[in-house]
Amino acid sequence: HALIHDVVTRWGSTYEKISRFLEQQQAACAVLASDRSTWHFMPKDNDIATLENVNQLLRPLYDFTDALASEKRVTLSSLTPVLEHIGSEILSEQAEDNLLIRQMKQ
């Protein structure tokens, strides 16, 4: 799988890009490690942890956006319950949230 570029007009592409990088992390790191001039681009453990956290937070938002963008289902009636669920469940702070996730939810 090729890496995915961000598309400014589709915020869901950020989720797709991060997911694909995490999926292809070993291959990307192998390519970077093969050329000494690119070693400084090698992601550190905390970079990967940050991407995993961002991905974890974006996943449900991506899923809801994808479902609401469907052309085969009636979705207008789903909008209010979905927005309420996002506000009350997805973006509310949870006890297990780490500091980064809490900051992103604010």
PDB file of N, CA and C in Angstrom:
ATOM      1  N   HIS A   1       0.826  -1.185   0.000  1.00  0.00           N
ATOM      2  CA  HIS A   1       0.000   0.000   0.000  1.00  0.00           C
ATOM      3  C   HIS A   1       0.874   1.255   0.000  1.00  0.00           C
ATOM      4  N   ALA A   2       0.555   2.162  -0.877  1.00  0.00           N
ATOM      5  CA  ALA A   2       1.287   3.427  -0.932  1.00  0.00           C
ATOM      6  C   ALA A   2       0.830   4.343   0.199  1.00  0.00           C
ATOM      7  N   LEU A   3       1.706   5.258   0.589  1.00  0.00           N
ATOM      8  CA  LEU A   3       1.323   6.244   1.590  1.00  0.00           C
ATOM      9  C   LEU A   3       0.303   7.192   0.976  1.00  0.00           C
ATOM     10  N   ILE A   4      -0.504   7.815   1.820  1.00  0.00           N
ATOM     11  CA  ILE A   4      -1.595   8.681   1.374  1.00  0.00           C
ATOM     12  C   ILE A   4      -1.243  10.125   1.701  1.00  0.00           C
ATOM     13  N   HIS A   5      -1.568  11.026   0.784  1.00  0.00           N
ATOM     14  CA  HIS A   5      -1.351  12.454   1.005  1.00  0.00           C
ATOM     15  C   HIS A   5      -2.585  13.068   1.651  1.00  0.00           C
ATOM     16  N   ASP A   6      -2.357  14.123   2.407  1.00  0.00           N
ATOM     17  CA  ASP A   6      -3.440  14.870   3.013  1.00  0.00           C
ATOM     18  C   ASP A   6      -4.165  15.676   1.939  1.00  0.00           C
ATOM     19  N   VAL A   7      -5.479  15.741   2.024  1.00  0.00           N
ATOM     20  CA  VAL A   7      -6.286  16.567   1.131  1.00  0.00           C
ATOM     21  C   VAL A   7      -6.964  17.609   2.003  1.00  0.00           C
ATOM     22  N   VAL A   8      -6.635  18.870   1.787  1.00  0.00           N
ATOM     23  CA  VAL A   8      -7.086  19.938   2.679  1.00  0.00           C
ATOM     24  C   VAL A   8      -8.610  20.006   2.786  1.00  0.00           C
ATOM     25  N   THR A   9      -9.302  19.708   1.725  1.00  0.00           N
ATOM     26  CA  THR A   9     -10.760  19.814   1.732  1.00  0.00           C
ATOM     27  C   THR A   9     -11.446  18.579   2.309  1.00  0.00           C
ATOM     28  N   ARG A  10     -10.678  17.544   2.619  1.00  0.00           N
ATOM     29  CA  ARG A  10     -11.229  16.328   3.218  1.00  0.00           C
ATOM     30  C   ARG A  10     -10.462  16.012   4.493  1.00  0.00           C
ATOM     31  N   TRP A  11     -10.988  16.433   5.639  1.00  0.00           N
ATOM     32  CA  TRP A  11     -10.235  16.214   6.871  1.00  0.00           C
ATOM     33  C   TRP A  11     -10.086  14.723   7.154  1.00  0.00           C
ATOM     34  N   GLY A  12     -10.962  13.895   6.627  1.00  0.00           N
ATOM     35  CA  GLY A  12     -10.842  12.454   6.822  1.00  0.00           C
ATOM     36  C   GLY A  12      -9.565  11.889   6.231  1.00  0.00           C
ATOM     37  N   SER A  13      -8.983  12.622   5.284  1.00  0.00           N
ATOM     38  CA  SER A  13      -7.736  12.145   4.687  1.00  0.00           C
ATOM     39  C   SER A  13      -6.596  12.175   5.701  1.00  0.00           C
ATOM     40  N   THR A  14      -6.713  13.017   6.719  1.00  0.00           N
ATOM     41  CA  THR A  14      -5.699  13.037   7.785  1.00  0.00           C
ATOM     42  C   THR A  14      -5.715  11.694   8.516  1.00  0.00           C
ATOM     43  N   TYR A  15      -6.909  11.221   8.839  1.00  0.00           N
ATOM     44  CA  TYR A  15      -7.029   9.911   9.477  1.00  0.00           C
ATOM     45  C   TYR A  15      -6.470   8.821   8.562  1.00  0.00           C
ATOM     46  N   GLU A  16      -6.850   8.867   7.283  1.00  0.00           N
ATOM     47  CA  GLU A  16      -6.382   7.862   6.327  1.00  0.00           C
ATOM     48  C   GLU A  16      -4.863   7.889   6.186  1.00  0.00           C
ATOM     49  N   LYS A  17      -4.292   9.090   6.154  1.00  0.00           N
ATOM     50  CA  LYS A  17      -2.839   9.227   6.014  1.00  0.00           C
ATOM     51  C   LYS A  17      -2.122   8.638   7.228  1.00  0.00           C
ATOM     52  N   ILE A  18      -2.586   8.981   8.416  1.00  0.00           N
ATOM     53  CA  ILE A  18      -1.951   8.480   9.638  1.00  0.00           C
ATOM     54  C   ILE A  18      -2.110   6.962   9.733  1.00  0.00           C
ATOM     55  N   SER A  19      -3.298   6.466   9.439  1.00  0.00           N
ATOM     56  CA  SER A  19      -3.534   5.014   9.483  1.00  0.00           C
ATOM     57  C   SER A  19      -2.605   4.274   8.536  1.00  0.00           C
ATOM     58  N   ARG A  20      -2.485   4.798   7.328  1.00  0.00           N
ATOM     59  CA  ARG A  20      -1.631   4.135   6.338  1.00  0.00           C
ATOM     60  C   ARG A  20      -0.177   4.175   6.776  1.00  0.00           C
ATOM     61  N   PHE A  21       0.278   5.310   7.333  1.00  0.00           N
ATOM     62  CA  PHE A  21       1.664   5.366   7.793  1.00  0.00           C
ATOM     63  C   PHE A  21       1.896   4.346   8.902  1.00  0.00           C
ATOM     64  N   LEU A  22       0.971   4.266   9.865  1.00  0.00           N
ATOM     65  CA  LEU A  22       1.134   3.301  10.949  1.00  0.00           C
ATOM     66  C   LEU A  22       1.132   1.873  10.414  1.00  0.00           C
ATOM     67  N   GLU A  23       0.312   1.621   9.408  1.00  0.00           N
ATOM     68  CA  GLU A  23       0.273   0.301   8.779  1.00  0.00           C
ATOM     69  C   GLU A  23       1.593  -0.013   8.080  1.00  0.00           C
ATOM     70  N   GLN A  24       2.179   0.984   7.446  1.00  0.00           N
ATOM     71  CA  GLN A  24       3.395   0.802   6.651  1.00  0.00           C
ATOM     72  C   GLN A  24       4.647   1.310   7.375  1.00  0.00           C
ATOM     73  N   GLN A  25       4.553   1.484   8.675  1.00  0.00           N
ATOM     74  CA  GLN A  25       5.645   2.061   9.463  1.00  0.00           C
ATOM     75  C   GLN A  25       6.967   1.313   9.278  1.00  0.00           C
ATOM     76  N   GLN A  26       6.951   0.020   9.335  1.00  0.00           N
ATOM     77  CA  GLN A  26       8.201  -0.739   9.209  1.00  0.00           C
ATOM     78  C   GLN A  26       8.837  -0.533   7.845  1.00  0.00           C
ATOM     79  N   ALA A  27       8.031  -0.542   6.803  1.00  0.00           N
ATOM     80  CA  ALA A  27       8.563  -0.334   5.452  1.00  0.00           C
ATOM     81  C   ALA A  27       9.118   1.083   5.302  1.00  0.00           C
ATOM     82  N   ALA A  28       8.388   2.074   5.814  1.00  0.00           N
ATOM     83  CA  ALA A  28       8.846   3.465   5.717  1.00  0.00           C
ATOM     84  C   ALA A  28      10.155   3.648   6.480  1.00  0.00           C
ATOM     85  N   CYS A  29      10.239   3.067   7.667  1.00  0.00           N
ATOM     86  CA  CYS A  29      11.466   3.186   8.460  1.00  0.00           C
ATOM     87  C   CYS A  29      12.632   2.458   7.794  1.00  0.00           C
ATOM     88  N   ALA A  30      12.357   1.338   7.146  1.00  0.00           N
ATOM     89  CA  ALA A  30      13.416   0.609   6.436  1.00  0.00           C
ATOM     90  C   ALA A  30      13.971   1.451   5.299  1.00  0.00           C
ATOM     91  N   VAL A  31      13.098   2.140   4.580  1.00  0.00           N
ATOM     92  CA  VAL A  31      13.547   3.016   3.492  1.00  0.00           C
ATOM     93  C   VAL A  31      14.382   4.158   4.051  1.00  0.00           C
ATOM     94  N   LEU A  32      13.922   4.772   5.136  1.00  0.00           N
ATOM     95  CA  LEU A  32      14.675   5.874   5.745  1.00  0.00           C
ATOM     96  C   LEU A  32      16.021   5.393   6.279  1.00  0.00           C
ATOM     97  N   ALA A  33      16.049   4.212   6.856  1.00  0.00           N
ATOM     98  CA  ALA A  33      17.285   3.682   7.433  1.00  0.00           C
ATOM     99  C   ALA A  33      18.303   3.298   6.365  1.00  0.00           C
ATOM    100  N   SER A  34      17.839   3.054   5.158  1.00  0.00           N
ATOM    101  CA  SER A  34      18.753   2.611   4.101  1.00  0.00           C
ATOM    102  C   SER A  34      19.622   3.734   3.542  1.00  0.00           C
ATOM    103  N   ASP A  35      19.289   4.968   3.841  1.00  0.00           N
ATOM    104  CA  ASP A  35      20.048   6.112   3.326  1.00  0.00           C
ATOM    105  C   ASP A  35      20.406   7.027   4.494  1.00  0.00           C
ATOM    106  N   ARG A  36      21.676   7.132   4.759  1.00  0.00           N
ATOM    107  CA  ARG A  36      22.136   7.906   5.912  1.00  0.00           C
ATOM    108  C   ARG A  36      21.639   9.356   5.888  1.00  0.00           C
ATOM    109  N   SER A  37      21.449   9.916   4.707  1.00  0.00           N
ATOM    110  CA  SER A  37      21.007  11.311   4.615  1.00  0.00           C
ATOM    111  C   SER A  37      19.544  11.493   5.034  1.00  0.00           C
ATOM    112  N   THR A  38      18.814  10.399   5.211  1.00  0.00           N
ATOM    113  CA  THR A  38      17.409  10.516   5.633  1.00  0.00           C
ATOM    114  C   THR A  38      17.174  10.027   7.064  1.00  0.00           C
ATOM    115  N   TRP A  39      18.229   9.676   7.755  1.00  0.00           N
ATOM    116  CA  TRP A  39      18.074   9.174   9.124  1.00  0.00           C
ATOM    117  C   TRP A  39      17.352  10.168  10.026  1.00  0.00           C
ATOM    118  N   HIS A  40      17.580  11.462   9.797  1.00  0.00           N
ATOM    119  CA  HIS A  40      16.960  12.468  10.666  1.00  0.00           C
ATOM    120  C   HIS A  40      15.436  12.513  10.495  1.00  0.00           C
ATOM    121  N   PHE A  41      14.906  11.888   9.447  1.00  0.00           N
ATOM    122  CA  PHE A  41      13.455  11.806   9.254  1.00  0.00           C
ATOM    123  C   PHE A  41      12.839  10.616   9.985  1.00  0.00           C
ATOM    124  N   MET A  42      13.672   9.743  10.519  1.00  0.00           N
ATOM    125  CA  MET A  42      13.192   8.535  11.192  1.00  0.00           C
ATOM    126  C   MET A  42      12.328   8.929  12.398  1.00  0.00           C
ATOM    127  N   PRO A  43      11.079   8.452  12.446  1.00  0.00           N
ATOM    128  CA  PRO A  43      10.222   8.812  13.580  1.00  0.00           C
ATOM    129  C   PRO A  43      10.717   8.171  14.873  1.00  0.00           C
ATOM    130  N   LYS A  44      10.650   8.942  15.930  1.00  0.00           N
ATOM    131  CA  LYS A  44      11.023   8.457  17.264  1.00  0.00           C
ATOM    132  C   LYS A  44       9.814   7.742  17.877  1.00  0.00           C
ATOM    133  N   ASP A  45      10.046   7.047  18.973  1.00  0.00           N
ATOM    134  CA  ASP A  45       8.962   6.325  19.643  1.00  0.00           C
ATOM    135  C   ASP A  45       7.824   7.260  20.041  1.00  0.00           C
ATOM    136  N   ASN A  46       8.180   8.465  20.535  1.00  0.00           N
ATOM    137  CA  ASN A  46       7.122   9.391  20.946  1.00  0.00           C
ATOM    138  C   ASN A  46       6.346   9.933  19.741  1.00  0.00           C
ATOM    139  N   ASP A  47       6.985  10.018  18.558  1.00  0.00           N
ATOM    140  CA  ASP A  47       6.273  10.415  17.340  1.00  0.00           C
ATOM    141  C   ASP A  47       5.215   9.368  16.986  1.00  0.00           C
ATOM    142  N   ILE A  48       5.604   8.111  17.064  1.00  0.00           N
ATOM    143  CA  ILE A  48       4.677   7.017  16.750  1.00  0.00           C
ATOM    144  C   ILE A  48       3.545   6.984  17.773  1.00  0.00           C
ATOM    145  N   ALA A  49       3.870   7.174  19.046  1.00  0.00           N
ATOM    146  CA  ALA A  49       2.838   7.190  20.090  1.00  0.00           C
ATOM    147  C   ALA A  49       1.851   8.331  19.850  1.00  0.00           C
ATOM    148  N   THR A  50       2.359   9.490  19.449  1.00  0.00           N
ATOM    149  CA  THR A  50       1.485  10.626  19.150  1.00  0.00           C
ATOM    150  C   THR A  50       0.564  10.300  17.978  1.00  0.00           C
ATOM    151  N   LEU A  51       1.116   9.719  16.920  1.00  0.00           N
ATOM    152  CA  LEU A  51       0.293   9.341  15.766  1.00  0.00           C
ATOM    153  C   LEU A  51      -0.774   8.319  16.161  1.00  0.00           C
ATOM    154  N   GLU A  52      -0.412   7.368  17.005  1.00  0.00           N
ATOM    155  CA  GLU A  52      -1.386   6.370  17.457  1.00  0.00           C
ATOM    156  C   GLU A  52      -2.507   7.021  18.258  1.00  0.00           C
ATOM    157  N   ASN A  53      -2.151   7.998  19.109  1.00  0.00           N
ATOM    158  CA  ASN A  53      -3.166   8.706  19.891  1.00  0.00           C
ATOM    159  C   ASN A  53      -4.096   9.524  18.998  1.00  0.00           C
ATOM    160  N   VAL A  54      -3.516  10.253  18.057  1.00  0.00           N
ATOM    161  CA  VAL A  54      -4.323  11.058  17.136  1.00  0.00           C
ATOM    162  C   VAL A  54      -5.239  10.138  16.332  1.00  0.00           C
ATOM    163  N   ASN A  55      -4.705   9.030  15.881  1.00  0.00           N
ATOM    164  CA  ASN A  55      -5.483   8.071  15.102  1.00  0.00           C
ATOM    165  C   ASN A  55      -6.645   7.510  15.914  1.00  0.00           C
ATOM    166  N   GLN A  56      -6.377   7.215  17.168  1.00  0.00           N
ATOM    167  CA  GLN A  56      -7.408   6.685  18.062  1.00  0.00           C
ATOM    168  C   GLN A  56      -8.550   7.690  18.218  1.00  0.00           C
ATOM    169  N   LEU A  57      -8.220   8.969  18.324  1.00  0.00           N
ATOM    170  CA  LEU A  57      -9.244   9.998  18.485  1.00  0.00           C
ATOM    171  C   LEU A  57      -9.994  10.257  17.179  1.00  0.00           C
ATOM    172  N   LEU A  58      -9.291  10.233  16.053  1.00  0.00           N
ATOM    173  CA  LEU A  58      -9.917  10.535  14.767  1.00  0.00           C
ATOM    174  C   LEU A  58     -10.779   9.393  14.226  1.00  0.00           C
ATOM    175  N   ARG A  59     -10.510   8.166  14.629  1.00  0.00           N
ATOM    176  CA  ARG A  59     -11.216   7.004  14.062  1.00  0.00           C
ATOM    177  C   ARG A  59     -12.739   7.118  14.144  1.00  0.00           C
ATOM    178  N   PRO A  60     -13.312   7.353  15.336  1.00  0.00           N
ATOM    179  CA  PRO A  60     -14.776   7.432  15.381  1.00  0.00           C
ATOM    180  C   PRO A  60     -15.322   8.622  14.586  1.00  0.00           C
ATOM    181  N   LEU A  61     -14.595   9.731  14.566  1.00  0.00           N
ATOM    182  CA  LEU A  61     -15.034  10.890  13.789  1.00  0.00           C
ATOM    183  C   LEU A  61     -15.012  10.565  12.298  1.00  0.00           C
ATOM    184  N   TYR A  62     -13.995   9.857  11.870  1.00  0.00           N
ATOM    185  CA  TYR A  62     -13.894   9.424  10.474  1.00  0.00           C
ATOM    186  C   TYR A  62     -15.057   8.488  10.127  1.00  0.00           C
ATOM    187  N   ASP A  63     -15.328   7.540  11.008  1.00  0.00           N
ATOM    188  CA  ASP A  63     -16.417   6.587  10.763  1.00  0.00           C
ATOM    189  C   ASP A  63     -17.764   7.298  10.646  1.00  0.00           C
ATOM    190  N   PHE A  64     -18.021   8.246  11.551  1.00  0.00           N
ATOM    191  CA  PHE A  64     -19.285   8.983  11.501  1.00  0.00           C
ATOM    192  C   PHE A  64     -19.380   9.826  10.233  1.00  0.00           C
ATOM    193  N   THR A  65     -18.296  10.494   9.878  1.00  0.00           N
ATOM    194  CA  THR A  65     -18.296  11.310   8.664  1.00  0.00           C
ATOM    195  C   THR A  65     -18.549  10.442   7.446  1.00  0.00           C
ATOM    196  N   ASP A  66     -17.904   9.301   7.406  1.00  0.00           N
ATOM    197  CA  ASP A  66     -18.078   8.381   6.284  1.00  0.00           C
ATOM    198  C   ASP A  66     -19.528   7.900   6.198  1.00  0.00           C
ATOM    199  N   ALA A  67     -20.108   7.572   7.341  1.00  0.00           N
ATOM    200  CA  ALA A  67     -21.497   7.102   7.357  1.00  0.00           C
ATOM    201  C   ALA A  67     -22.458   8.209   6.929  1.00  0.00           C
ATOM    202  N   LEU A  68     -22.215   9.431   7.391  1.00  0.00           N
ATOM    203  CA  LEU A  68     -23.098  10.543   7.040  1.00  0.00           C
ATOM    204  C   LEU A  68     -22.947  10.965   5.586  1.00  0.00           C
ATOM    205  N   ALA A  69     -21.828  10.652   4.973  1.00  0.00           N
ATOM    206  CA  ALA A  69     -21.591  11.035   3.575  1.00  0.00           C
ATOM    207  C   ALA A  69     -22.180  10.025   2.599  1.00  0.00           C
ATOM    208  N   SER A  70     -22.759   8.980   3.118  1.00  0.00           N
ATOM    209  CA  SER A  70     -23.311   7.926   2.261  1.00  0.00           C
ATOM    210  C   SER A  70     -24.436   8.461   1.386  1.00  0.00           C
ATOM    211  N   GLU A  71     -24.438   8.047   0.149  1.00  0.00           N
ATOM    212  CA  GLU A  71     -25.502   8.443  -0.772  1.00  0.00           C
ATOM    213  C   GLU A  71     -26.623   7.410  -0.801  1.00  0.00           C
ATOM    214  N   LYS A  72     -26.447   6.291  -0.145  1.00  0.00           N
ATOM    215  CA  LYS A  72     -27.429   5.209  -0.216  1.00  0.00           C
ATOM    216  C   LYS A  72     -28.344   5.149   1.000  1.00  0.00           C
ATOM    217  N   ARG A  73     -28.085   5.971   2.003  1.00  0.00           N
ATOM    218  CA  ARG A  73     -28.898   5.949   3.214  1.00  0.00           C
ATOM    219  C   ARG A  73     -29.459   7.341   3.481  1.00  0.00           C
ATOM    220  N   VAL A  74     -30.582   7.376   4.172  1.00  0.00           N
ATOM    221  CA  VAL A  74     -31.117   8.657   4.624  1.00  0.00           C
ATOM    222  C   VAL A  74     -30.295   9.053   5.839  1.00  0.00           C
ATOM    223  N   THR A  75     -29.619  10.184   5.768  1.00  0.00           N
ATOM    224  CA  THR A  75     -28.704  10.522   6.853  1.00  0.00           C
ATOM    225  C   THR A  75     -29.080  11.791   7.604  1.00  0.00           C
ATOM    226  N   LEU A  76     -29.947  12.636   7.076  1.00  0.00           N
ATOM    227  CA  LEU A  76     -30.294  13.879   7.754  1.00  0.00           C
ATOM    228  C   LEU A  76     -30.879  13.604   9.135  1.00  0.00           C
ATOM    229  N   SER A  77     -31.714  12.584   9.239  1.00  0.00           N
ATOM    230  CA  SER A  77     -32.310  12.244  10.531  1.00  0.00           C
ATOM    231  C   SER A  77     -31.269  11.704  11.510  1.00  0.00           C
ATOM    232  N   SER A  78     -30.137  11.272  11.009  1.00  0.00           N
ATOM    233  CA  SER A  78     -29.074  10.740  11.865  1.00  0.00           C
ATOM    234  C   SER A  78     -28.162  11.830  12.400  1.00  0.00           C
ATOM    235  N   LEU A  79     -28.205  13.002  11.811  1.00  0.00           N
ATOM    236  CA  LEU A  79     -27.240  14.051  12.137  1.00  0.00           C
ATOM    237  C   LEU A  79     -27.280  14.461  13.606  1.00  0.00           C
ATOM    238  N   THR A  80     -28.454  14.769  14.137  1.00  0.00           N
ATOM    239  CA  THR A  80     -28.548  15.218  15.528  1.00  0.00           C
ATOM    240  C   THR A  80     -28.066  14.147  16.503  1.00  0.00           C
ATOM    241  N   PRO A  81     -28.527  12.901  16.407  1.00  0.00           N
ATOM    242  CA  PRO A  81     -28.011  11.887  17.341  1.00  0.00           C
ATOM    243  C   PRO A  81     -26.502  11.668  17.217  1.00  0.00           C
ATOM    244  N   VAL A  82     -25.990  11.735  15.998  1.00  0.00           N
ATOM    245  CA  VAL A  82     -24.546  11.543  15.805  1.00  0.00           C
ATOM    246  C   VAL A  82     -23.778  12.683  16.457  1.00  0.00           C
ATOM    247  N   LEU A  83     -24.210  13.918  16.238  1.00  0.00           N
ATOM    248  CA  LEU A  83     -23.524  15.066  16.850  1.00  0.00           C
ATOM    249  C   LEU A  83     -23.599  15.005  18.373  1.00  0.00           C
ATOM    250  N   GLU A  84     -24.740  14.590  18.907  1.00  0.00           N
ATOM    251  CA  GLU A  84     -24.861  14.446  20.362  1.00  0.00           C
ATOM    252  C   GLU A  84     -23.919  13.359  20.878  1.00  0.00           C
ATOM    253  N   HIS A  85     -23.825  12.262  20.157  1.00  0.00           N
ATOM    254  CA  HIS A  85     -22.927  11.167  20.559  1.00  0.00           C
ATOM    255  C   HIS A  85     -21.468  11.624  20.512  1.00  0.00           C
ATOM    256  N   ILE A  86     -21.108  12.351  19.478  1.00  0.00           N
ATOM    257  CA  ILE A  86     -19.728  12.855  19.370  1.00  0.00           C
ATOM    258  C   ILE A  86     -19.416  13.762  20.548  1.00  0.00           C
ATOM    259  N   GLY A  87     -20.332  14.698  20.857  1.00  0.00           N
ATOM    260  CA  GLY A  87     -20.096  15.633  21.957  1.00  0.00           C
ATOM    261  C   GLY A  87     -20.110  14.989  23.324  1.00  0.00           C
ATOM    262  N   SER A  88     -21.029  14.050  23.540  1.00  0.00           N
ATOM    263  CA  SER A  88     -21.169  13.476  24.882  1.00  0.00           C
ATOM    264  C   SER A  88     -20.291  12.257  25.125  1.00  0.00           C
ATOM    265  N   GLU A  89     -19.927  11.536  24.080  1.00  0.00           N
ATOM    266  CA  GLU A  89     -19.145  10.311  24.256  1.00  0.00           C
ATOM    267  C   GLU A  89     -17.731  10.409  23.690  1.00  0.00           C
ATOM    268  N   ILE A  90     -17.632  10.712  22.425  1.00  0.00           N
ATOM    269  CA  ILE A  90     -16.340  10.679  21.742  1.00  0.00           C
ATOM    270  C   ILE A  90     -15.407  11.769  22.259  1.00  0.00           C
ATOM    271  N   LEU A  91     -15.914  12.998  22.367  1.00  0.00           N
ATOM    272  CA  LEU A  91     -15.053  14.123  22.739  1.00  0.00           C
ATOM    273  C   LEU A  91     -15.085  14.451  24.227  1.00  0.00           C
ATOM    274  N   SER A  92     -15.819  13.688  25.027  1.00  0.00           N
ATOM    275  CA  SER A  92     -15.783  13.922  26.471  1.00  0.00           C
ATOM    276  C   SER A  92     -14.567  13.204  27.048  1.00  0.00           C
ATOM    277  N   GLU A  93     -13.980  13.823  28.055  1.00  0.00           N
ATOM    278  CA  GLU A  93     -12.773  13.240  28.649  1.00  0.00           C
ATOM    279  C   GLU A  93     -13.115  11.946  29.382  1.00  0.00           C
ATOM    280  N   GLN A  94     -12.272  10.952  29.184  1.00  0.00           N
ATOM    281  CA  GLN A  94     -12.427   9.653  29.830  1.00  0.00           C
ATOM    282  C   GLN A  94     -11.271   9.460  30.809  1.00  0.00           C
ATOM    283  N   ALA A  95     -11.483   8.663  31.828  1.00  0.00           N
ATOM    284  CA  ALA A  95     -10.450   8.427  32.837  1.00  0.00           C
ATOM    285  C   ALA A  95      -9.183   7.839  32.224  1.00  0.00           C
ATOM    286  N   GLU A  96      -9.341   7.014  31.191  1.00  0.00           N
ATOM    287  CA  GLU A  96      -8.177   6.354  30.589  1.00  0.00           C
ATOM    288  C   GLU A  96      -7.460   7.221  29.559  1.00  0.00           C
ATOM    289  N   ASP A  97      -7.985   8.410  29.254  1.00  0.00           N
ATOM    290  CA  ASP A  97      -7.332   9.298  28.285  1.00  0.00           C
ATOM    291  C   ASP A  97      -5.995   9.791  28.826  1.00  0.00           C
ATOM    292  N   ASN A  98      -4.973   9.755  27.980  1.00  0.00           N
ATOM    293  CA  ASN A  98      -3.698  10.331  28.390  1.00  0.00           C
ATOM    294  C   ASN A  98      -3.738  11.845  28.167  1.00  0.00           C
ATOM    295  N   LEU A  99      -2.686  12.540  28.547  1.00  0.00           N
ATOM    296  CA  LEU A  99      -2.654  14.000  28.495  1.00  0.00           C
ATOM    297  C   LEU A  99      -2.887  14.524  27.080  1.00  0.00           C
ATOM    298  N   LEU A 100      -2.259  13.919  26.092  1.00  0.00           N
ATOM    299  CA  LEU A 100      -2.406  14.380  24.712  1.00  0.00           C
ATOM    300  C   LEU A 100      -3.855  14.266  24.244  1.00  0.00           C
ATOM    301  N   ILE A 101      -4.480  13.135  24.511  1.00  0.00           N
ATOM    302  CA  ILE A 101      -5.877  12.934  24.109  1.00  0.00           C
ATOM    303  C   ILE A 101      -6.767  13.959  24.811  1.00  0.00           C
ATOM    304  N   ARG A 102      -6.533  14.195  26.090  1.00  0.00           N
ATOM    305  CA  ARG A 102      -7.334  15.194  26.823  1.00  0.00           C
ATOM    306  C   ARG A 102      -7.184  16.575  26.204  1.00  0.00           C
ATOM    307  N   GLN A 103      -5.959  16.944  25.848  1.00  0.00           N
ATOM    308  CA  GLN A 103      -5.725  18.251  25.231  1.00  0.00           C
ATOM    309  C   GLN A 103      -6.407  18.347  23.873  1.00  0.00           C
ATOM    310  N   MET A 104      -6.371  17.294  23.093  1.00  0.00           N
ATOM    311  CA  MET A 104      -7.007  17.325  21.775  1.00  0.00           C
ATOM    312  C   MET A 104      -8.524  17.408  21.899  1.00  0.00           C
ATOM    313  N   LYS A 105      -9.082  16.813  22.925  1.00  0.00           N
ATOM    314  CA  LYS A 105     -10.532  16.843  23.108  1.00  0.00           C
ATOM    315  C   LYS A 105     -11.026  18.214  23.557  1.00  0.00           C
ATOM    316  N   GLN A 106     -10.144  19.014  24.118  1.00  0.00           N
ATOM    317  CA  GLN A 106     -10.555  20.351  24.555  1.00  0.00           C
ATOM    318  C   GLN A 106     -10.666  21.203  23.347  1.00  0.00           C
TER     319      GLN A 106
END
